[in-house]
Amino acid sequence: MKKFEIKKIDRDSWMVSHNELPKFICRFEDRKFNYSRTITGLPDPTGDPREIRLLEKMEKWLRQYHKEKVNG
């Protein structure tokens, strides 16, 4: 299984799942990475350095393999 998985969930929404522990999902809207994002499964995604590193890895993966979704 891939570490990160991306799937379309609505016309203007898509979701990225982190499939290893800790498992979490991020939902994005309007094909813009920073426009609207909901993180589920991480207790403190802005304050815990380990969780921040996971989100940075996810962002790097998106920029590398899914530029059209990050850049709109």
N, C-alpha and C. Protein backbone atom coordinates (compact mmCIF):
# COMPACT_ATOMS: atom_id res chain seq x y z
N MET A 1 0.84 -1.18 0.00
CA MET A 1 0.00 0.00 0.00
C MET A 1 0.89 1.24 0.00
N LYS A 2 0.48 2.24 -0.75
CA LYS A 2 1.22 3.49 -0.81
C LYS A 2 1.11 4.25 0.51
N LYS A 3 2.15 5.01 0.81
CA LYS A 3 2.15 5.81 2.04
C LYS A 3 1.05 6.87 1.97
N PHE A 4 0.95 7.56 0.82
CA PHE A 4 -0.09 8.57 0.61
C PHE A 4 -0.96 8.13 -0.54
N GLU A 5 -2.23 8.44 -0.45
CA GLU A 5 -3.17 8.10 -1.51
C GLU A 5 -4.07 9.31 -1.73
N ILE A 6 -4.35 9.60 -2.99
CA ILE A 6 -5.20 10.75 -3.31
C ILE A 6 -6.42 10.26 -4.08
N LYS A 7 -7.58 10.85 -3.77
CA LYS A 7 -8.78 10.49 -4.54
C LYS A 7 -9.74 11.66 -4.57
N LYS A 8 -10.46 11.76 -5.67
CA LYS A 8 -11.47 12.80 -5.86
C LYS A 8 -12.71 12.37 -5.09
N ILE A 9 -13.30 13.30 -4.32
CA ILE A 9 -14.49 12.95 -3.54
C ILE A 9 -15.71 13.77 -3.95
N ASP A 10 -15.48 14.82 -4.74
CA ASP A 10 -16.57 15.67 -5.19
C ASP A 10 -16.06 16.45 -6.39
N ARG A 11 -16.90 17.24 -7.01
CA ARG A 11 -16.50 17.99 -8.20
C ARG A 11 -15.28 18.87 -7.93
N ASP A 12 -15.28 19.60 -6.84
CA ASP A 12 -14.18 20.51 -6.50
C ASP A 12 -13.45 20.10 -5.23
N SER A 13 -13.55 18.85 -4.84
CA SER A 13 -12.91 18.39 -3.60
C SER A 13 -12.13 17.11 -3.84
N TRP A 14 -11.05 16.96 -3.11
CA TRP A 14 -10.24 15.75 -3.16
C TRP A 14 -9.63 15.52 -1.80
N MET A 15 -9.20 14.28 -1.56
CA MET A 15 -8.72 13.90 -0.24
C MET A 15 -7.40 13.16 -0.36
N VAL A 16 -6.49 13.45 0.56
CA VAL A 16 -5.22 12.73 0.66
C VAL A 16 -5.23 11.96 1.96
N SER A 17 -4.92 10.66 1.89
CA SER A 17 -4.86 9.81 3.07
C SER A 17 -3.42 9.41 3.33
N HIS A 18 -3.02 9.42 4.60
CA HIS A 18 -1.74 8.89 5.04
C HIS A 18 -2.04 7.51 5.61
N ASN A 19 -1.50 6.46 4.97
CA ASN A 19 -1.91 5.10 5.29
C ASN A 19 -1.03 4.39 6.30
N GLU A 20 -0.02 5.06 6.84
CA GLU A 20 0.81 4.48 7.89
C GLU A 20 0.48 5.18 9.21
N LEU A 21 0.90 4.61 10.31
CA LEU A 21 0.63 5.25 11.61
C LEU A 21 1.48 6.50 11.78
N PRO A 22 0.97 7.59 12.27
CA PRO A 22 -0.43 7.81 12.57
C PRO A 22 -1.23 8.05 11.29
N LYS A 23 -2.36 7.40 11.17
CA LYS A 23 -3.20 7.55 9.98
C LYS A 23 -3.96 8.86 10.09
N PHE A 24 -4.02 9.59 8.97
CA PHE A 24 -4.80 10.81 8.94
C PHE A 24 -5.24 11.09 7.52
N ILE A 25 -6.21 11.97 7.37
CA ILE A 25 -6.67 12.40 6.05
C ILE A 25 -6.71 13.91 6.00
N CYS A 26 -6.51 14.45 4.80
CA CYS A 26 -6.67 15.88 4.56
C CYS A 26 -7.63 16.05 3.41
N ARG A 27 -8.60 16.89 3.57
CA ARG A 27 -9.56 17.19 2.52
C ARG A 27 -9.24 18.58 1.97
N PHE A 28 -9.21 18.68 0.65
CA PHE A 28 -8.90 19.93 -0.02
C PHE A 28 -10.05 20.32 -0.92
N GLU A 29 -10.22 21.63 -1.13
CA GLU A 29 -11.29 22.12 -1.98
C GLU A 29 -10.76 23.11 -3.00
N ASP A 30 -11.50 23.21 -4.10
CA ASP A 30 -11.25 24.20 -5.16
C ASP A 30 -9.89 24.05 -5.82
N ARG A 31 -9.29 22.84 -5.77
CA ARG A 31 -8.02 22.56 -6.44
C ARG A 31 -6.88 23.49 -6.03
N LYS A 32 -7.03 24.17 -4.93
CA LYS A 32 -5.96 25.04 -4.43
C LYS A 32 -5.51 24.50 -3.09
N PHE A 33 -4.24 24.16 -3.00
CA PHE A 33 -3.71 23.48 -1.83
C PHE A 33 -3.97 24.24 -0.53
N ASN A 34 -3.76 25.54 -0.52
CA ASN A 34 -3.88 26.31 0.72
C ASN A 34 -5.24 26.98 0.90
N TYR A 35 -6.17 26.78 -0.04
CA TYR A 35 -7.45 27.47 0.04
C TYR A 35 -8.30 26.97 1.20
N SER A 36 -8.54 25.68 1.24
CA SER A 36 -9.35 25.12 2.31
C SER A 36 -8.87 23.70 2.58
N ARG A 37 -8.54 23.43 3.83
CA ARG A 37 -7.99 22.12 4.16
C ARG A 37 -8.51 21.72 5.53
N THR A 38 -8.98 20.48 5.62
CA THR A 38 -9.46 19.93 6.88
C THR A 38 -8.63 18.69 7.20
N ILE A 39 -7.99 18.67 8.35
CA ILE A 39 -7.13 17.55 8.75
C ILE A 39 -7.86 16.75 9.81
N THR A 40 -8.00 15.45 9.59
CA THR A 40 -8.68 14.57 10.53
C THR A 40 -7.73 13.45 10.95
N GLY A 41 -7.59 13.23 12.24
CA GLY A 41 -6.80 12.11 12.73
C GLY A 41 -5.52 12.51 13.44
N LEU A 42 -5.10 13.76 13.33
CA LEU A 42 -3.92 14.23 14.06
C LEU A 42 -4.39 15.10 15.22
N PRO A 43 -3.95 14.82 16.45
CA PRO A 43 -4.41 15.60 17.60
C PRO A 43 -3.94 17.05 17.59
N ASP A 44 -2.73 17.32 17.10
CA ASP A 44 -2.19 18.69 17.14
C ASP A 44 -1.35 18.96 15.89
N PRO A 45 -1.99 19.09 14.71
CA PRO A 45 -1.23 19.20 13.46
C PRO A 45 -0.45 20.50 13.30
N THR A 46 -0.66 21.48 14.16
CA THR A 46 0.11 22.72 14.04
C THR A 46 1.11 22.90 15.17
N GLY A 47 1.07 22.04 16.19
CA GLY A 47 1.96 22.24 17.33
C GLY A 47 2.94 21.11 17.60
N ASP A 48 2.67 19.92 17.09
CA ASP A 48 3.53 18.77 17.33
C ASP A 48 4.53 18.64 16.18
N PRO A 49 5.84 18.74 16.44
CA PRO A 49 6.84 18.68 15.37
C PRO A 49 6.78 17.42 14.52
N ARG A 50 6.45 16.26 15.12
CA ARG A 50 6.31 15.03 14.32
C ARG A 50 5.17 15.12 13.33
N GLU A 51 4.05 15.69 13.77
CA GLU A 51 2.90 15.82 12.90
C GLU A 51 3.16 16.86 11.81
N ILE A 52 3.87 17.92 12.16
CA ILE A 52 4.23 18.93 11.16
C ILE A 52 5.11 18.30 10.08
N ARG A 53 6.07 17.45 10.47
CA ARG A 53 6.93 16.77 9.49
C ARG A 53 6.11 15.87 8.57
N LEU A 54 5.12 15.17 9.12
CA LEU A 54 4.26 14.34 8.28
C LEU A 54 3.51 15.18 7.25
N LEU A 55 2.98 16.32 7.69
CA LEU A 55 2.27 17.19 6.75
C LEU A 55 3.21 17.75 5.70
N GLU A 56 4.45 18.07 6.08
CA GLU A 56 5.44 18.55 5.11
C GLU A 56 5.77 17.46 4.09
N LYS A 57 5.89 16.20 4.53
CA LYS A 57 6.12 15.09 3.59
C LYS A 57 4.96 14.95 2.63
N MET A 58 3.74 15.10 3.14
CA MET A 58 2.57 15.01 2.28
C MET A 58 2.57 16.13 1.25
N GLU A 59 2.89 17.35 1.68
CA GLU A 59 2.94 18.49 0.76
C GLU A 59 4.01 18.27 -0.31
N LYS A 60 5.17 17.75 0.08
CA LYS A 60 6.24 17.46 -0.88
C LYS A 60 5.77 16.42 -1.89
N TRP A 61 5.10 15.37 -1.43
CA TRP A 61 4.57 14.33 -2.31
C TRP A 61 3.57 14.92 -3.29
N LEU A 62 2.68 15.79 -2.80
CA LEU A 62 1.70 16.42 -3.68
C LEU A 62 2.38 17.29 -4.74
N ARG A 63 3.37 18.07 -4.33
CA ARG A 63 4.08 18.93 -5.29
C ARG A 63 4.82 18.10 -6.34
N GLN A 64 5.33 16.95 -5.95
CA GLN A 64 6.08 16.12 -6.85
C GLN A 64 5.19 15.34 -7.83
N TYR A 65 4.07 14.81 -7.36
CA TYR A 65 3.27 13.92 -8.17
C TYR A 65 1.91 14.48 -8.60
N HIS A 66 1.47 15.56 -7.98
CA HIS A 66 0.13 16.11 -8.28
C HIS A 66 0.18 17.63 -8.35
N LYS A 67 1.09 18.17 -9.16
CA LYS A 67 1.27 19.62 -9.25
C LYS A 67 -0.01 20.34 -9.64
N GLU A 68 -0.82 19.73 -10.53
CA GLU A 68 -2.04 20.38 -11.00
C GLU A 68 -3.02 20.63 -9.86
N LYS A 69 -3.00 19.81 -8.83
CA LYS A 69 -3.91 20.00 -7.71
C LYS A 69 -3.37 21.04 -6.72
N VAL A 70 -2.07 21.11 -6.60
CA VAL A 70 -1.46 22.06 -5.68
C VAL A 70 -1.52 23.47 -6.25
N ASN A 71 -1.19 23.60 -7.53
CA ASN A 71 -1.09 24.92 -8.14
C ASN A 71 -2.38 25.41 -8.76
N GLY A 72 -3.41 24.58 -8.79
CA GLY A 72 -4.71 24.99 -9.35
C GLY A 72 -4.77 24.92 -10.84
